[in-house]
Amino acid sequence: MNVGANIKARRESLGYSQGYVAEEVGISQAMLCQIERGTKNPSLQVSAGIAKLLKCSLDSLLEDSPKQTA
């Protein structure tokens, strides 16, 4: 499971910065960076907030590989 890579791919596809996502979700940019690198796991609450902001399902963040959006 590569949650961090999925978050990063979706965030970048929407053109959002780490700072923007972190601020909107209520975590530090450093924490989001650690989540995206896979060194920290987000809580369910943070994951749900990220999914809502990134306009995707929580399930899509848990998939094995990032989805490409066109």
N, C-alpha and C. Protein backbone atom coordinates (compact mmCIF):
# COMPACT_ATOMS: atom_id res chain seq x y z
N MET A 1 0.85 -1.18 0.00
CA MET A 1 0.00 0.00 0.00
C MET A 1 0.89 1.24 0.00
N ASN A 2 0.65 2.14 -0.91
CA ASN A 2 1.48 3.31 -1.05
C ASN A 2 0.63 4.58 -0.94
N VAL A 3 0.10 4.81 0.23
CA VAL A 3 -0.81 5.93 0.47
C VAL A 3 -0.13 7.25 0.14
N GLY A 4 1.10 7.41 0.59
CA GLY A 4 1.82 8.66 0.37
C GLY A 4 1.99 8.98 -1.10
N ALA A 5 2.37 7.98 -1.90
CA ALA A 5 2.54 8.20 -3.33
C ALA A 5 1.20 8.54 -3.99
N ASN A 6 0.13 7.92 -3.54
CA ASN A 6 -1.19 8.22 -4.08
C ASN A 6 -1.61 9.65 -3.75
N ILE A 7 -1.34 10.07 -2.52
CA ILE A 7 -1.67 11.44 -2.12
C ILE A 7 -0.87 12.43 -2.96
N LYS A 8 0.42 12.18 -3.10
CA LYS A 8 1.28 13.09 -3.86
C LYS A 8 0.84 13.17 -5.31
N ALA A 9 0.55 12.03 -5.93
CA ALA A 9 0.13 12.03 -7.33
C ALA A 9 -1.16 12.80 -7.52
N ARG A 10 -2.11 12.58 -6.64
CA ARG A 10 -3.40 13.27 -6.75
C ARG A 10 -3.22 14.77 -6.49
N ARG A 11 -2.44 15.11 -5.48
CA ARG A 11 -2.20 16.52 -5.14
C ARG A 11 -1.56 17.24 -6.33
N GLU A 12 -0.55 16.63 -6.91
CA GLU A 12 0.13 17.25 -8.05
C GLU A 12 -0.76 17.35 -9.28
N SER A 13 -1.63 16.34 -9.46
CA SER A 13 -2.53 16.39 -10.62
C SER A 13 -3.52 17.55 -10.52
N LEU A 14 -3.81 17.96 -9.30
CA LEU A 14 -4.72 19.09 -9.08
C LEU A 14 -3.97 20.42 -9.00
N GLY A 15 -2.65 20.35 -9.01
CA GLY A 15 -1.85 21.58 -8.94
C GLY A 15 -1.77 22.19 -7.56
N TYR A 16 -2.01 21.39 -6.53
CA TYR A 16 -1.97 21.89 -5.15
C TYR A 16 -0.56 21.75 -4.58
N SER A 17 -0.14 22.73 -3.83
CA SER A 17 1.15 22.65 -3.14
C SER A 17 0.99 21.87 -1.84
N GLN A 18 2.10 21.38 -1.34
CA GLN A 18 2.08 20.71 -0.04
C GLN A 18 1.57 21.67 1.04
N GLY A 19 2.03 22.91 0.97
CA GLY A 19 1.63 23.90 1.96
C GLY A 19 0.13 24.13 1.98
N TYR A 20 -0.47 24.21 0.80
CA TYR A 20 -1.91 24.42 0.70
C TYR A 20 -2.69 23.25 1.31
N VAL A 21 -2.32 22.05 0.91
CA VAL A 21 -3.02 20.86 1.40
C VAL A 21 -2.87 20.75 2.91
N ALA A 22 -1.65 20.92 3.39
CA ALA A 22 -1.40 20.80 4.82
C ALA A 22 -2.22 21.82 5.61
N GLU A 23 -2.25 23.06 5.15
CA GLU A 23 -2.99 24.10 5.85
C GLU A 23 -4.49 23.79 5.86
N GLU A 24 -5.02 23.38 4.72
CA GLU A 24 -6.45 23.08 4.63
C GLU A 24 -6.86 21.90 5.51
N VAL A 25 -5.97 20.93 5.65
CA VAL A 25 -6.27 19.72 6.42
C VAL A 25 -5.95 19.90 7.90
N GLY A 26 -5.11 20.88 8.21
CA GLY A 26 -4.80 21.17 9.61
C GLY A 26 -3.58 20.41 10.14
N ILE A 27 -2.64 20.13 9.25
CA ILE A 27 -1.39 19.50 9.66
C ILE A 27 -0.24 20.36 9.15
N SER A 28 0.96 20.09 9.61
CA SER A 28 2.11 20.86 9.14
C SER A 28 2.54 20.36 7.76
N GLN A 29 3.23 21.23 7.04
CA GLN A 29 3.76 20.83 5.75
C GLN A 29 4.78 19.71 5.92
N ALA A 30 5.55 19.76 7.01
CA ALA A 30 6.53 18.71 7.28
C ALA A 30 5.84 17.36 7.47
N MET A 31 4.70 17.36 8.14
CA MET A 31 3.95 16.12 8.34
C MET A 31 3.45 15.58 7.01
N LEU A 32 2.93 16.45 6.15
CA LEU A 32 2.46 16.00 4.83
C LEU A 32 3.62 15.45 4.02
N CYS A 33 4.75 16.09 4.10
CA CYS A 33 5.94 15.60 3.40
C CYS A 33 6.31 14.20 3.88
N GLN A 34 6.26 13.98 5.19
CA GLN A 34 6.56 12.66 5.74
C GLN A 34 5.54 11.62 5.30
N ILE A 35 4.29 12.02 5.22
CA ILE A 35 3.23 11.11 4.75
C ILE A 35 3.51 10.72 3.30
N GLU A 36 3.81 11.72 2.47
CA GLU A 36 4.06 11.46 1.05
C GLU A 36 5.30 10.60 0.84
N ARG A 37 6.31 10.75 1.67
CA ARG A 37 7.52 9.93 1.57
C ARG A 37 7.33 8.54 2.16
N GLY A 38 6.26 8.34 2.91
CA GLY A 38 6.00 7.04 3.50
C GLY A 38 6.66 6.80 4.84
N THR A 39 7.18 7.86 5.47
CA THR A 39 7.81 7.69 6.77
C THR A 39 6.83 7.87 7.92
N LYS A 40 5.66 8.42 7.63
CA LYS A 40 4.58 8.56 8.62
C LYS A 40 3.28 8.12 7.98
N ASN A 41 2.41 7.56 8.79
CA ASN A 41 1.08 7.19 8.32
C ASN A 41 0.06 8.18 8.87
N PRO A 42 -0.82 8.68 8.01
CA PRO A 42 -1.83 9.63 8.48
C PRO A 42 -2.92 8.92 9.29
N SER A 43 -3.49 9.64 10.22
CA SER A 43 -4.63 9.11 10.96
C SER A 43 -5.82 9.00 10.01
N LEU A 44 -6.83 8.29 10.43
CA LEU A 44 -8.04 8.16 9.61
C LEU A 44 -8.67 9.53 9.37
N GLN A 45 -8.69 10.36 10.41
CA GLN A 45 -9.26 11.70 10.29
C GLN A 45 -8.49 12.54 9.28
N VAL A 46 -7.17 12.51 9.34
CA VAL A 46 -6.35 13.26 8.39
C VAL A 46 -6.53 12.69 6.98
N SER A 47 -6.55 11.38 6.86
CA SER A 47 -6.73 10.74 5.55
C SER A 47 -8.06 11.16 4.93
N ALA A 48 -9.11 11.18 5.73
CA ALA A 48 -10.43 11.57 5.23
C ALA A 48 -10.42 13.03 4.79
N GLY A 49 -9.75 13.88 5.55
CA GLY A 49 -9.66 15.29 5.18
C GLY A 49 -8.89 15.48 3.89
N ILE A 50 -7.81 14.75 3.72
CA ILE A 50 -7.02 14.83 2.50
C ILE A 50 -7.85 14.35 1.31
N ALA A 51 -8.53 13.22 1.47
CA ALA A 51 -9.36 12.68 0.38
C ALA A 51 -10.44 13.68 -0.03
N LYS A 52 -11.07 14.31 0.95
CA LYS A 52 -12.12 15.29 0.63
C LYS A 52 -11.54 16.47 -0.13
N LEU A 53 -10.41 16.99 0.34
CA LEU A 53 -9.77 18.13 -0.31
C LEU A 53 -9.31 17.78 -1.72
N LEU A 54 -8.81 16.56 -1.89
CA LEU A 54 -8.31 16.13 -3.19
C LEU A 54 -9.41 15.58 -4.10
N LYS A 55 -10.65 15.65 -3.62
CA LYS A 55 -11.83 15.25 -4.40
C LYS A 55 -11.73 13.82 -4.89
N CYS A 56 -11.39 12.93 -3.95
CA CYS A 56 -11.30 11.51 -4.28
C CYS A 56 -11.79 10.70 -3.09
N SER A 57 -11.97 9.43 -3.29
CA SER A 57 -12.41 8.57 -2.20
C SER A 57 -11.22 8.15 -1.36
N LEU A 58 -11.50 7.82 -0.12
CA LEU A 58 -10.46 7.31 0.77
C LEU A 58 -9.90 6.01 0.19
N ASP A 59 -10.75 5.20 -0.40
CA ASP A 59 -10.30 3.95 -1.03
C ASP A 59 -9.25 4.19 -2.10
N SER A 60 -9.42 5.25 -2.89
CA SER A 60 -8.46 5.51 -3.96
C SER A 60 -7.09 5.86 -3.41
N LEU A 61 -7.03 6.43 -2.22
CA LEU A 61 -5.74 6.73 -1.60
C LEU A 61 -5.06 5.48 -1.07
N LEU A 62 -5.85 4.43 -0.84
CA LEU A 62 -5.31 3.19 -0.29
C LEU A 62 -4.90 2.18 -1.36
N GLU A 63 -5.18 2.49 -2.63
CA GLU A 63 -4.84 1.56 -3.71
C GLU A 63 -3.34 1.37 -3.82
N ASP A 64 -2.94 0.28 -4.44
CA ASP A 64 -1.53 -0.08 -4.54
C ASP A 64 -0.70 0.86 -5.41
N SER A 65 -1.30 1.47 -6.41
CA SER A 65 -0.54 2.37 -7.26
C SER A 65 -1.37 3.62 -7.54
N PRO A 66 -0.69 4.76 -7.75
CA PRO A 66 -1.43 5.99 -8.02
C PRO A 66 -2.23 5.90 -9.31
N LYS A 67 -3.40 6.48 -9.28
CA LYS A 67 -4.22 6.55 -10.48
C LYS A 67 -3.82 7.77 -11.29
N GLN A 68 -3.76 7.60 -12.56
CA GLN A 68 -3.47 8.73 -13.44
C GLN A 68 -4.80 9.37 -13.80
N THR A 69 -4.84 10.69 -13.74
CA THR A 69 -6.05 11.39 -14.13
C THR A 69 -5.75 12.19 -15.39
N ALA A 70 -6.74 12.25 -16.25
CA ALA A 70 -6.54 12.97 -17.51
C ALA A 70 -7.31 14.25 -17.53
